[in-house]
C-alpha atoms as a PDB file:
ATOM      1  CA  MET A   1      -3.774  -9.562 -17.949  1.00  0.00           C
ATOM      2  CA  VAL A   2      -3.248  -8.294 -14.416  1.00  0.00           C
ATOM      3  CA  LYS A   3      -6.238  -8.553 -12.073  1.00  0.00           C
ATOM      4  CA  TYR A   4      -6.743  -6.861  -8.717  1.00  0.00           C
ATOM      5  CA  LEU A   5      -8.690  -7.946  -5.640  1.00  0.00           C
ATOM      6  CA  ARG A   6     -10.647  -5.495  -3.492  1.00  0.00           C
ATOM      7  CA  ILE A   7     -11.163  -6.775   0.043  1.00  0.00           C
ATOM      8  CA  LYS A   8     -13.712  -4.985   2.208  1.00  0.00           C
ATOM      9  CA  SER A   9     -13.583  -5.657   5.948  1.00  0.00           C
ATOM     10  CA  GLY A  10     -16.265  -4.698   8.405  1.00  0.00           C
ATOM     11  CA  GLU A  11     -19.306  -5.815  10.366  1.00  0.00           C
ATOM     12  CA  ALA A  12     -22.826  -6.947   9.497  1.00  0.00           C
ATOM     13  CA  ASN A  13     -25.937  -8.496  11.021  1.00  0.00           C
ATOM     14  CA  PHE A  14     -27.235 -11.674   9.436  1.00  0.00           C
ATOM     15  CA  GLN A  15     -30.068 -14.159   9.735  1.00  0.00           C
ATOM     16  CA  LEU A  16     -29.431 -17.735   8.580  1.00  0.00           C
ATOM     17  CA  VAL A  17     -32.386 -20.103   8.097  1.00  0.00           C
ATOM     18  CA  GLU A  18     -31.666 -23.853   7.945  1.00  0.00           C
ATOM     19  CA  ARG A  19     -33.915 -26.881   7.375  1.00  0.00           C
ATOM     20  CA  PHE A  20     -33.577 -30.123   9.407  1.00  0.00           C
ATOM     21  CA  ASP A  21     -35.240 -33.564   9.282  1.00  0.00           C
ATOM     22  CA  GLU A  22     -35.368 -33.996  13.069  1.00  0.00           C
ATOM     23  CA  VAL A  23     -36.119 -31.616  15.921  1.00  0.00           C
ATOM     24  CA  GLU A  24     -33.121 -32.923  17.906  1.00  0.00           C
ATOM     25  CA  LYS A  25     -30.742 -31.914  15.121  1.00  0.00           C
ATOM     26  CA  ALA A  26     -32.399 -28.507  14.801  1.00  0.00           C
ATOM     27  CA  ALA A  27     -31.974 -27.909  18.536  1.00  0.00           C
ATOM     28  CA  ASP A  28     -28.251 -28.797  18.404  1.00  0.00           C
ATOM     29  CA  PRO A  29     -26.265 -25.550  17.806  1.00  0.00           C
ATOM     30  CA  ASN A  30     -23.350 -27.535  16.287  1.00  0.00           C
ATOM     31  CA  ALA A  31     -25.473 -29.336  13.685  1.00  0.00           C
ATOM     32  CA  GLN A  32     -25.519 -28.049  10.122  1.00  0.00           C
ATOM     33  CA  GLY A  33     -28.704 -28.254   8.114  1.00  0.00           C
ATOM     34  CA  GLU A  34     -29.771 -27.371   4.590  1.00  0.00           C
ATOM     35  CA  VAL A  35     -29.424 -23.616   4.093  1.00  0.00           C
ATOM     36  CA  VAL A  36     -32.783 -22.171   3.046  1.00  0.00           C
ATOM     37  CA  GLU A  37     -32.138 -18.441   3.305  1.00  0.00           C
ATOM     38  CA  CYS A  38     -29.463 -15.995   4.425  1.00  0.00           C
ATOM     39  CA  LYS A  39     -30.200 -12.290   4.917  1.00  0.00           C
ATOM     40  CA  VAL A  40     -27.390  -9.784   5.474  1.00  0.00           C
ATOM     41  CA  GLU A  41     -28.259  -6.345   6.844  1.00  0.00           C
ATOM     42  CA  SER A  42     -26.630  -3.332   8.485  1.00  0.00           C
ATOM     43  CA  ILE A  43     -23.313  -3.580   6.673  1.00  0.00           C
ATOM     44  CA  LYS A  44     -20.606  -1.312   8.099  1.00  0.00           C
ATOM     45  CA  ILE A  45     -17.319  -1.205   6.187  1.00  0.00           C
ATOM     46  CA  ASP A  46     -14.309  -0.449   8.386  1.00  0.00           C
ATOM     47  CA  PHE A  47     -11.615  -0.421   5.694  1.00  0.00           C
ATOM     48  CA  THR A  48     -10.892  -1.518   2.132  1.00  0.00           C
ATOM     49  CA  LYS A  49      -7.671  -3.079   0.841  1.00  0.00           C
ATOM     50  CA  VAL A  50      -6.635  -3.554  -2.815  1.00  0.00           C
ATOM     51  CA  LYS A  51      -3.978  -6.054  -3.816  1.00  0.00           C
ATOM     52  CA  LYS A  52      -2.663  -7.633  -6.985  1.00  0.00           C
ATOM     53  CA  GLU A  53      -4.010 -11.108  -7.704  1.00  0.00           C
ATOM     54  CA  LYS A  54      -1.433 -13.845  -8.148  1.00  0.00           C
ATOM     55  CA  ASP A  55      -1.891 -15.397 -11.578  1.00  0.00           C
ATOM     56  CA  GLY A  56       0.415 -18.401 -11.132  1.00  0.00           C
ATOM     57  CA  ARG A  57       2.570 -17.605 -14.158  1.00  0.00           C
ATOM     58  CA  VAL A  58       6.353 -17.937 -13.954  1.00  0.00           C
ATOM     59  CA  LYS A  59       8.296 -14.867 -14.955  1.00  0.00           C
ATOM     60  CA  ASN A  60      11.095 -16.003 -17.285  1.00  0.00           C
ATOM     61  CA  SER A  61      12.507 -12.693 -18.471  1.00  0.00           C
ATOM     62  CA  PRO A  62      14.746 -10.681 -16.155  1.00  0.00           C
ATOM     63  CA  SER A  63      13.476  -7.339 -14.948  1.00  0.00           C
ATOM     64  CA  GLU A  64      16.571  -5.512 -16.216  1.00  0.00           C
ATOM     65  CA  VAL A  65      16.787  -4.265 -19.787  1.00  0.00           C
ATOM     66  CA  GLN A  66      19.223  -6.400 -21.714  1.00  0.00           C
ATOM     67  CA  GLY A  67      21.723  -4.891 -24.141  1.00  0.00           C
ATOM     68  CA  SER A  68      22.745  -6.079 -27.584  1.00  0.00           C
ATOM     69  CA  SER A  69      23.145  -9.797 -28.139  1.00  0.00           C
ATOM     70  CA  THR A  70      26.535  -9.346 -29.869  1.00  0.00           C
ATOM     71  CA  LYS A  71      29.640 -10.025 -27.810  1.00  0.00           C
ATOM     72  CA  GLU A  72      32.511  -7.590 -27.633  1.00  0.00           C
ATOM     73  CA  THR A  73      36.057  -9.006 -27.611  1.00  0.00           C
END
């Protein structure tokens, strides 16, 4: 079965809340903590793209219509 992907591109505001064991790690902007909550607001979609999903199957049959299997001599 063929599947399609819809990809929406745009902008949004978000708020990410993380939990840390130490105040020094929490103050470090490069440190990653345990994600507690993530809120996404003010979504603005700029454009949408639809494309066919690759299913990983190998196509064995040729795309042309084949004629009779009997040979003419």
